[in-house]
Amino acid sequence: MIVIFLANFIIFVKSYPLIPGFVGNEWEVDGEVKIGVLYSVHSDHSSGNEALSCQGKVSPSGVLAAELAELRIKNINKDPNFLPNVTLGLLYLDTCGGVNGAVARLNHFMSDKCPTRTTEKKVVGIVGPFSSAQSIPAAALASQFKIPLLATFATSDELSDKARFEYFSRLAPPDSFITQAMVSVMVRFKWSYIQLLYSEGSYGEIAAKSIEKIARANGICIGNSVRLSSDYSENYITIAEKILENRNAKVVVLIMSHKFREDLFTALYQVGSKKSDFIFFSADSYRRFPGFEQIQHGTLHFFYKVGRDTSFEDLIKTKQRSESDHAWIKSLWEEAGKCNFSTTCSKYKSLGDINSLTSRDFKFSLKVGDGVEVYARALHSLISENCPEAFLNKSLSKVVNHIFWTSFDLV
C-alpha cells in the first residue's frame, strides 16, 4: 500500500543555478504538467566533481527506467478516462551515479534570484532518488522547499522521520520490515547465536540497531559484531579470521553494500572458509559474486517483491535501431553490443539480439514506472475531487497549493 502526501502540488520553476563542474543530462517530454525523475543513467561512481560529469558508461537499468517512464506517460495520455484533456509530461534528470548527484540535480527545481539559465517547468512531484544514501540529503533539502520526493529503493528507517522529511515518500518498505523478517527466521529455526557485520552510516547502523533490539527480545545472542568504516580502511583478513573464530555463531547477518561484501568474501576465501561454515543473512542490497559460490551457498536473501512488466520487456527486446531515437538508448546499443550505432550495430536485428539485458536490469527500472503512475493517479484524484472543471478548461492553476492523499495497491 502506497501513501503519498503532496503539498504545493505544482512546482513552478522559473530558473535554477548551475553547479560548477556538473555537466548534466536530461530528457524532457512536453506536457501541461510534468512528473520529474531523479535517477542515474550514467553509472560513474567516482568521487568529487568527476562523479557529476555524466561521462561514465550508461547503466542498463537507468536507460530502461527512462524508456519505461516515457511509455507510461504515453499510455496515460492515450487513456480518455485518465486525466482527460490534460497532457502529462516528463522531466527526467540523470543524477550521474554517486551519492551527491541527486542533491545537485535537485537545484533544477528551485528558483534563483540571480539566474544563469531560464526555464519554466510545471512539475507535480519527483520520482527518485534510488537509494537511501542519495535520498537522505535530497529529501532533507526537498522538504525545506516543499518539493515532493517519491524514492524507488530507499529503505533506511531514518527516512521515516516525518519531522525531518515531511515531503518524502517511498515505493519500498523500510528496513525494519527486513530486520523483523530476519529474526523471525532465526526464531523459527532456533538459531540463537549469530554474528552481525554492518557498514558505517545511516543504512547499516540503524538496521544493525534494529537487529540487536529484536534479537535481544527473542533471546538471540550476538557473539561478534563489527562495524565497517565507509572508507574501506579495515583489514578484511583480520575480520574474516574473527568470523571463523566464532564458528559456533553459524548465522552471519550482513547489512552492507556490495562493495563491502565483495571485500569480505575475498578475505573469507583467502583464509579458507568453506561452504558449510556459515549461513549468511543479507538484505536488499545483496548480489552474488562469481568465484565465491562455495561461500555464498545457502545464503538467505531478504527482499521485497518487485514484480515484472513482461509487455515492457518484450517491447525493449524487440526494439530496432530505427525505433531507438534517444541518445541514452543509442549508448546502450553501443556499449552492450560493442558496436557503433550508426554502422556496425546493424548486425543486430533488435536490442534483444545483443542478449545483455538481465532480469535485474528490468527489475530496478520498474519502480520508476510505478512512481510515474503514483503521481498520475494522485493528480487525477486531486482534480476529480477538488476541481473537476479543470478537466474541461485546463485551469490547472485552480488546484495549486491543495493538499491531498492517495493510496492504492501496486501489482
Protein backbone atom coordinates (compact mmCIF):
# COMPACT_ATOMS: atom_id res chain seq x y z
CA MET A 1 0.00 0.00 0.00
CA ILE A 2 1.47 3.30 -1.10
CA VAL A 3 0.51 6.54 0.65
CA ILE A 4 1.63 9.81 -0.90
CA PHE A 5 1.49 13.23 0.74
CA LEU A 6 1.95 16.24 -1.51
CA ALA A 7 1.62 19.96 -0.95
CA ASN A 8 2.08 22.84 -3.37
CA PHE A 9 1.18 20.27 -5.92
CA ILE A 10 2.65 22.03 -8.95
CA ILE A 11 6.18 23.35 -8.72
CA PHE A 12 6.61 26.39 -10.97
CA VAL A 13 10.31 26.77 -11.62
CA LYS A 14 11.41 29.91 -13.43
CA SER A 15 15.18 29.46 -13.12
CA TYR A 16 17.85 27.43 -11.43
CA PRO A 17 21.53 27.86 -10.57
CA LEU A 18 24.28 25.86 -12.24
CA ILE A 19 26.57 23.53 -10.29
CA PRO A 20 30.26 24.08 -11.20
CA GLY A 21 31.70 21.05 -12.99
CA PHE A 22 28.33 19.33 -13.34
CA VAL A 23 27.53 18.59 -16.96
CA GLY A 24 24.06 17.13 -16.53
CA ASN A 25 21.88 15.27 -19.00
CA GLU A 26 18.13 15.44 -19.18
CA TRP A 27 15.21 14.12 -21.18
CA GLU A 28 12.03 16.15 -21.45
CA VAL A 29 8.62 15.14 -22.79
CA ASP A 30 6.41 18.19 -23.16
CA GLY A 31 3.16 18.45 -21.20
CA GLU A 32 0.94 20.89 -19.36
CA VAL A 33 2.16 19.40 -16.10
CA LYS A 34 5.19 17.16 -15.74
CA ILE A 35 6.48 14.43 -13.50
CA GLY A 36 10.14 14.82 -12.55
CA VAL A 37 12.55 11.90 -12.27
CA LEU A 38 15.91 11.89 -10.45
CA TYR A 39 17.66 8.69 -11.49
CA SER A 40 21.11 7.64 -12.57
CA VAL A 41 21.54 6.88 -16.26
CA HIS A 42 25.34 7.15 -16.32
CA SER A 43 26.96 4.89 -13.74
CA ASP A 44 30.10 6.85 -12.90
CA HIS A 45 30.74 6.29 -9.17
CA SER A 46 33.91 8.35 -8.87
CA SER A 47 34.35 10.95 -6.17
CA GLY A 48 34.34 14.72 -6.37
CA ASN A 49 33.19 16.67 -9.42
CA GLU A 50 34.15 13.78 -11.67
CA ALA A 51 31.19 11.86 -10.23
CA LEU A 52 28.89 14.58 -11.56
CA SER A 53 30.30 14.67 -15.07
CA CYS A 54 27.90 12.11 -16.58
CA GLN A 55 30.80 10.80 -18.64
CA GLY A 56 30.74 7.19 -17.43
CA LYS A 57 29.03 4.25 -19.11
CA VAL A 58 25.25 4.16 -19.19
CA SER A 59 23.54 1.93 -16.66
CA PRO A 60 21.14 -0.50 -18.41
CA SER A 61 18.57 -0.13 -15.62
CA GLY A 62 18.83 3.67 -15.85
CA VAL A 63 18.20 3.67 -19.59
CA LEU A 64 15.33 1.20 -19.21
CA ALA A 65 13.82 3.36 -16.46
CA ALA A 66 13.76 6.34 -18.82
CA GLU A 67 12.15 4.28 -21.57
CA LEU A 68 9.54 2.91 -19.16
CA ALA A 69 8.74 6.35 -17.74
CA GLU A 70 8.13 7.70 -21.25
CA LEU A 71 5.99 4.68 -22.12
CA ARG A 72 3.83 5.11 -19.01
CA ILE A 73 3.37 8.81 -19.81
CA LYS A 74 2.29 7.98 -23.37
CA ASN A 75 -0.17 5.32 -22.18
CA ILE A 76 -1.69 7.69 -19.61
CA ASN A 77 -2.12 10.42 -22.24
CA LYS A 78 -3.85 7.94 -24.58
CA ASP A 79 -6.41 6.91 -21.95
CA PRO A 80 -9.55 9.09 -22.38
CA ASN A 81 -10.72 8.22 -18.85
CA PHE A 82 -7.44 9.07 -17.15
CA LEU A 83 -6.60 12.80 -16.78
CA PRO A 84 -8.92 13.68 -19.69
CA ASN A 85 -8.00 16.82 -21.61
CA VAL A 86 -4.75 17.08 -19.62
CA THR A 87 -1.42 16.29 -21.26
CA LEU A 88 1.12 14.82 -18.85
CA GLY A 89 4.83 15.41 -19.50
CA LEU A 90 8.14 14.16 -18.17
CA LEU A 91 11.37 15.78 -16.97
CA TYR A 92 13.98 13.05 -16.45
CA LEU A 93 17.26 14.25 -14.92
CA ASP A 94 20.32 11.99 -14.92
CA THR A 95 21.93 12.03 -11.46
CA CYS A 96 25.11 10.51 -12.95
CA GLY A 97 25.88 7.99 -10.20
CA GLY A 98 27.35 8.57 -6.76
CA VAL A 99 25.74 9.92 -3.61
CA ASN A 100 25.66 13.65 -4.40
CA GLY A 101 24.17 13.63 -7.89
CA ALA A 102 20.55 13.73 -6.73
CA VAL A 103 21.13 16.75 -4.49
CA ALA A 104 22.99 18.54 -7.27
CA ARG A 105 20.17 17.88 -9.71
CA LEU A 106 17.52 18.95 -7.19
CA ASN A 107 18.59 22.55 -7.77
CA HIS A 108 16.84 22.28 -11.13
CA PHE A 109 13.55 22.54 -9.26
CA MET A 110 14.47 25.59 -7.18
CA SER A 111 14.24 29.27 -8.06
CA ASP A 112 17.26 31.55 -8.16
CA LYS A 113 17.12 35.32 -7.72
CA CYS A 114 20.18 35.75 -9.93
CA PRO A 115 19.55 33.16 -12.65
CA THR A 116 22.21 31.93 -15.02
CA ARG A 117 19.67 29.95 -17.01
CA THR A 118 15.98 30.46 -17.52
CA THR A 119 13.30 27.82 -17.99
CA GLU A 120 9.78 27.07 -16.86
CA LYS A 121 8.70 23.66 -15.66
CA LYS A 122 5.39 22.69 -14.14
CA VAL A 123 6.32 19.66 -12.07
CA VAL A 124 3.82 17.73 -9.96
CA GLY A 125 6.48 15.88 -7.99
CA ILE A 126 9.69 13.90 -8.37
CA VAL A 127 10.28 10.16 -8.64
CA GLY A 128 13.60 9.25 -7.02
CA PRO A 129 16.30 9.14 -5.92
CA PHE A 130 17.26 5.45 -5.98
CA SER A 131 18.99 4.68 -2.67
CA SER A 132 18.89 5.72 0.98
CA ALA A 133 22.31 7.36 0.75
CA GLN A 134 21.07 9.57 -2.10
CA SER A 135 17.64 10.15 -0.61
CA ILE A 136 18.57 11.34 2.89
CA PRO A 137 20.29 14.61 1.82
CA ALA A 138 17.94 15.10 -1.12
CA ALA A 139 14.81 14.58 0.99
CA ALA A 140 16.03 16.97 3.68
CA LEU A 141 16.62 19.71 1.10
CA ALA A 142 13.42 18.99 -0.85
CA SER A 143 11.28 19.17 2.30
CA GLN A 144 12.62 22.66 3.03
CA PHE A 145 11.36 23.78 -0.38
CA LYS A 146 8.14 21.70 -0.15
CA ILE A 147 9.11 19.55 -3.13
CA PRO A 148 7.60 16.04 -3.04
CA LEU A 149 10.06 13.15 -3.50
CA LEU A 150 8.99 9.55 -4.10
CA ALA A 151 12.09 7.33 -3.76
CA THR A 152 12.27 3.98 -5.53
CA PHE A 153 14.54 1.78 -3.38
CA ALA A 154 15.40 3.92 -0.34
CA THR A 155 14.79 1.68 2.69
CA SER A 156 16.59 3.38 5.61
CA ASP A 157 14.42 3.77 8.70
CA GLU A 158 15.89 7.25 9.14
CA LEU A 159 13.70 8.40 6.27
CA SER A 160 10.57 7.53 8.26
CA ASP A 161 11.06 10.66 10.38
CA LYS A 162 8.34 12.97 9.05
CA ALA A 163 9.56 15.85 11.19
CA ARG A 164 12.70 15.95 9.02
CA PHE A 165 11.38 14.53 5.75
CA GLU A 166 7.82 15.82 5.53
CA TYR A 167 7.64 15.72 1.74
CA PHE A 168 9.33 12.34 1.31
CA SER A 169 7.60 9.07 0.42
CA ARG A 170 8.90 5.80 -1.00
CA LEU A 171 7.93 2.76 -3.02
CA ALA A 172 9.84 0.28 -0.84
CA PRO A 173 9.22 -0.72 2.79
CA PRO A 174 11.71 0.47 5.45
CA ASP A 175 14.49 -1.77 6.72
CA SER A 176 12.60 -2.53 9.94
CA PHE A 177 10.43 -4.93 7.93
CA ILE A 178 13.54 -6.75 6.70
CA THR A 179 15.19 -7.00 10.12
CA GLN A 180 11.99 -8.29 11.68
CA ALA A 181 11.77 -10.97 8.98
CA MET A 182 15.38 -11.98 9.58
CA VAL A 183 14.87 -12.51 13.29
CA SER A 184 11.60 -14.36 12.67
CA VAL A 185 13.51 -16.90 10.56
CA MET A 186 16.17 -17.25 13.25
CA VAL A 187 13.48 -17.97 15.84
CA ARG A 188 11.74 -20.44 13.53
CA PHE A 189 14.94 -22.49 13.04
CA LYS A 190 16.14 -22.00 16.63
CA TRP A 191 19.34 -20.16 15.65
CA SER A 192 20.14 -18.40 18.90
CA TYR A 193 23.78 -17.39 18.39
CA ILE A 194 24.69 -15.07 15.49
CA GLN A 195 27.25 -12.64 14.13
CA LEU A 196 26.48 -9.16 12.81
CA LEU A 197 28.51 -7.15 10.29
CA TYR A 198 27.27 -3.78 9.10
CA SER A 199 28.51 -0.71 7.27
CA GLU A 200 29.06 2.70 8.85
CA GLY A 201 26.33 5.22 8.18
CA SER A 202 22.57 5.53 8.39
CA TYR A 203 21.67 2.43 6.37
CA GLY A 204 23.93 -0.02 8.19
CA GLU A 205 23.88 1.38 11.71
CA ILE A 206 20.14 1.89 12.06
CA ALA A 207 19.39 -1.57 10.63
CA ALA A 208 22.02 -3.11 12.94
CA LYS A 209 20.41 -1.47 15.99
CA SER A 210 17.09 -2.90 14.89
CA ILE A 211 18.60 -6.40 14.58
CA GLU A 212 20.19 -6.09 18.03
CA LYS A 213 16.95 -4.94 19.65
CA ILE A 214 14.69 -7.58 18.08
CA ALA A 215 17.27 -10.34 18.58
CA ARG A 216 17.65 -9.49 22.26
CA ALA A 217 13.88 -9.56 22.73
CA ASN A 218 13.82 -13.07 21.27
CA GLY A 219 16.71 -14.48 23.32
CA ILE A 220 19.23 -14.41 20.47
CA CYS A 221 22.86 -13.59 21.36
CA ILE A 222 25.26 -11.73 19.10
CA GLY A 223 28.73 -13.20 19.52
CA ASN A 224 30.61 -10.98 17.10
CA SER A 225 29.55 -7.51 15.95
CA VAL A 226 31.67 -5.47 13.52
CA ARG A 227 31.06 -2.02 12.04
CA LEU A 228 32.87 -1.47 8.73
CA SER A 229 34.13 2.06 8.02
CA SER A 230 32.85 3.87 4.97
CA ASP A 231 36.42 4.46 3.75
CA TYR A 232 37.05 0.69 3.48
CA SER A 233 40.11 1.04 5.74
CA GLU A 234 39.63 -2.22 7.66
CA ASN A 235 41.90 -5.22 7.42
CA TYR A 236 39.39 -7.68 5.99
CA ILE A 237 41.67 -10.65 6.63
CA THR A 238 41.52 -9.87 10.37
CA ILE A 239 37.74 -9.53 10.16
CA ALA A 240 37.46 -12.85 8.29
CA GLU A 241 39.63 -14.60 10.88
CA LYS A 242 37.41 -13.18 13.65
CA ILE A 243 34.34 -14.60 11.91
CA LEU A 244 35.99 -18.03 11.74
CA GLU A 245 36.92 -17.84 15.42
CA ASN A 246 33.22 -17.50 16.19
CA ARG A 247 32.32 -20.50 14.05
CA ASN A 248 29.64 -21.59 16.56
CA ALA A 249 27.70 -18.49 15.56
CA LYS A 250 26.76 -20.04 12.23
CA VAL A 251 24.35 -17.31 11.13
CA VAL A 252 26.14 -14.16 9.90
CA VAL A 253 23.95 -11.13 9.23
CA LEU A 254 25.31 -8.73 6.60
CA ILE A 255 23.91 -5.19 6.44
CA MET A 256 26.19 -3.52 3.90
CA SER A 257 26.61 -2.54 0.27
CA HIS A 258 28.03 -4.89 -2.35
CA LYS A 259 31.50 -3.27 -2.19
CA PHE A 260 31.93 -4.20 1.49
CA ARG A 261 30.59 -7.68 0.83
CA GLU A 262 32.93 -8.38 -2.07
CA ASP A 263 35.98 -7.45 0.03
CA LEU A 264 34.68 -9.60 2.88
CA PHE A 265 34.07 -12.67 0.71
CA THR A 266 37.52 -12.27 -0.84
CA ALA A 267 39.07 -12.32 2.63
CA LEU A 268 36.96 -15.29 3.74
CA TYR A 269 38.07 -17.21 0.67
CA GLN A 270 41.71 -16.39 1.38
CA VAL A 271 41.52 -17.65 4.98
CA GLY A 272 39.92 -20.89 3.82
CA SER A 273 36.22 -20.57 4.62
CA LYS A 274 34.13 -23.46 3.28
CA LYS A 275 30.52 -23.53 2.13
CA SER A 276 29.42 -25.42 5.22
CA ASP A 277 30.84 -22.87 7.66
CA PHE A 278 28.13 -20.20 7.74
CA ILE A 279 24.63 -19.18 6.71
CA PHE A 280 24.67 -15.58 5.53
CA PHE A 281 21.59 -13.41 6.01
CA SER A 282 21.55 -10.48 3.64
CA ALA A 283 19.18 -7.60 2.93
CA ASP A 284 18.04 -5.83 -0.23
CA SER A 285 21.49 -4.72 -1.46
CA TYR A 286 22.70 -8.32 -1.81
CA ARG A 287 24.02 -9.83 -5.02
CA ARG A 288 26.06 -12.91 -5.88
CA PHE A 289 29.74 -12.65 -6.77
CA PRO A 290 31.23 -15.07 -9.33
CA GLY A 291 34.05 -17.10 -7.83
CA PHE A 292 32.65 -17.16 -4.30
CA GLU A 293 29.83 -19.65 -4.87
CA GLN A 294 31.05 -22.06 -2.17
CA ILE A 295 30.99 -19.31 0.45
CA GLN A 296 27.64 -17.88 -0.66
CA HIS A 297 25.94 -21.27 -0.89
CA GLY A 298 22.89 -21.33 1.37
CA THR A 299 22.64 -17.55 1.74
CA LEU A 300 19.20 -16.28 2.75
CA HIS A 301 18.37 -13.09 0.90
CA PHE A 302 15.56 -10.94 2.32
CA PHE A 303 13.97 -8.79 -0.35
CA TYR A 304 10.51 -7.41 -1.07
CA LYS A 305 8.61 -8.42 -4.17
CA VAL A 306 9.13 -6.11 -7.14
CA GLY A 307 7.13 -7.79 -9.90
CA ARG A 308 7.56 -7.74 -13.68
CA ASP A 309 6.22 -5.88 -16.67
CA THR A 310 6.53 -8.54 -19.37
CA SER A 311 4.96 -6.35 -22.08
CA PHE A 312 7.64 -3.72 -21.48
CA GLU A 313 10.38 -6.36 -21.51
CA ASP A 314 9.12 -7.65 -24.86
CA LEU A 315 8.90 -4.11 -26.23
CA ILE A 316 12.53 -3.38 -25.33
CA LYS A 317 13.88 -6.71 -26.55
CA THR A 318 12.20 -6.27 -29.95
CA LYS A 319 13.19 -2.59 -30.27
CA GLN A 320 15.06 -1.96 -33.53
CA ARG A 321 17.61 0.74 -34.28
CA SER A 322 15.05 2.75 -36.22
CA GLU A 323 12.92 2.87 -33.07
CA SER A 324 15.80 3.94 -30.81
CA ASP A 325 15.79 7.70 -31.22
CA HIS A 326 17.15 8.89 -27.88
CA ALA A 327 20.86 9.33 -27.10
CA TRP A 328 20.73 7.18 -23.96
CA ILE A 329 19.33 4.08 -25.64
CA LYS A 330 21.72 4.57 -28.54
CA SER A 331 24.56 4.46 -26.00
CA LEU A 332 23.07 1.25 -24.58
CA TRP A 333 23.13 -0.33 -28.05
CA GLU A 334 26.78 0.63 -28.46
CA GLU A 335 28.01 -0.42 -25.03
CA ALA A 336 26.04 -3.67 -24.85
CA GLY A 337 26.77 -4.67 -28.45
CA LYS A 338 30.29 -3.22 -28.60
CA CYS A 339 29.40 -1.55 -31.88
CA ASN A 340 28.78 1.83 -33.49
CA PHE A 341 25.09 2.69 -33.51
CA SER A 342 25.12 4.21 -37.00
CA THR A 343 27.14 1.47 -38.65
CA THR A 344 28.24 -1.81 -37.06
CA CYS A 345 25.22 -2.16 -34.72
CA SER A 346 23.29 -3.10 -37.87
CA LYS A 347 24.45 -6.69 -37.32
CA TYR A 348 21.82 -6.89 -34.57
CA LYS A 349 18.21 -7.03 -35.74
CA SER A 350 16.91 -5.88 -32.35
CA LEU A 351 18.19 -4.89 -28.92
CA GLY A 352 17.25 -8.33 -27.64
CA ASP A 353 19.68 -9.96 -30.09
CA ILE A 354 22.57 -8.49 -28.09
CA ASN A 355 21.34 -10.61 -25.17
CA SER A 356 22.93 -8.46 -22.47
CA LEU A 357 19.89 -7.19 -20.56
CA THR A 358 19.15 -9.11 -17.37
CA SER A 359 16.03 -9.56 -15.26
CA ARG A 360 17.82 -7.44 -12.64
CA ASP A 361 18.08 -4.53 -15.08
CA PHE A 362 14.34 -4.64 -15.75
CA LYS A 363 13.55 -5.11 -12.05
CA PHE A 364 15.33 -1.93 -10.97
CA SER A 365 13.70 0.11 -13.73
CA LEU A 366 10.17 -0.97 -12.82
CA LYS A 367 9.85 1.25 -9.74
CA VAL A 368 10.33 4.40 -11.81
CA GLY A 369 7.34 3.44 -13.93
CA ASP A 370 5.35 2.75 -10.75
CA GLY A 371 6.31 6.17 -9.42
CA VAL A 372 5.04 7.88 -12.57
CA GLU A 373 1.69 6.14 -12.12
CA VAL A 374 1.52 7.09 -8.44
CA TYR A 375 1.71 10.79 -9.29
CA ALA A 376 -0.62 10.47 -12.28
CA ARG A 377 -3.31 8.70 -10.24
CA ALA A 378 -2.92 11.15 -7.38
CA LEU A 379 -3.23 14.06 -9.80
CA HIS A 380 -6.35 12.54 -11.35
CA SER A 381 -7.88 12.03 -7.91
CA LEU A 382 -7.00 15.55 -6.78
CA ILE A 383 -8.55 17.25 -9.78
CA SER A 384 -11.62 14.98 -9.71
CA GLU A 385 -12.34 15.74 -6.07
CA ASN A 386 -11.35 19.40 -5.84
CA CYS A 387 -11.59 20.95 -9.27
CA PRO A 388 -13.29 18.73 -11.87
CA GLU A 389 -13.81 21.70 -14.19
CA ALA A 390 -10.04 21.69 -14.76
CA PHE A 391 -10.59 18.66 -16.99
CA LEU A 392 -12.79 20.82 -19.20
CA ASN A 393 -10.86 24.08 -19.44
CA LYS A 394 -7.36 23.01 -18.33
CA SER A 395 -7.42 25.57 -15.49
CA LEU A 396 -4.84 23.62 -13.50
CA SER A 397 -3.77 26.71 -11.60
CA LYS A 398 -7.00 26.38 -9.58
CA VAL A 399 -5.63 23.35 -7.78
CA VAL A 400 -2.22 24.76 -6.87
CA ASN A 401 -1.50 24.56 -3.11
CA HIS A 402 -4.08 21.80 -2.45
CA ILE A 403 -3.01 19.04 -0.09
CA PHE A 404 -4.05 15.54 -0.95
CA TRP A 405 -3.63 11.87 -0.10
CA THR A 406 -3.93 8.90 -2.36
CA SER A 407 -3.47 5.19 -1.77
CA PHE A 408 -3.70 2.07 -3.93
CA ASP A 409 -2.15 -1.34 -4.38
CA LEU A 410 0.65 -1.84 -6.90
CA VAL A 411 0.82 -5.10 -8.83
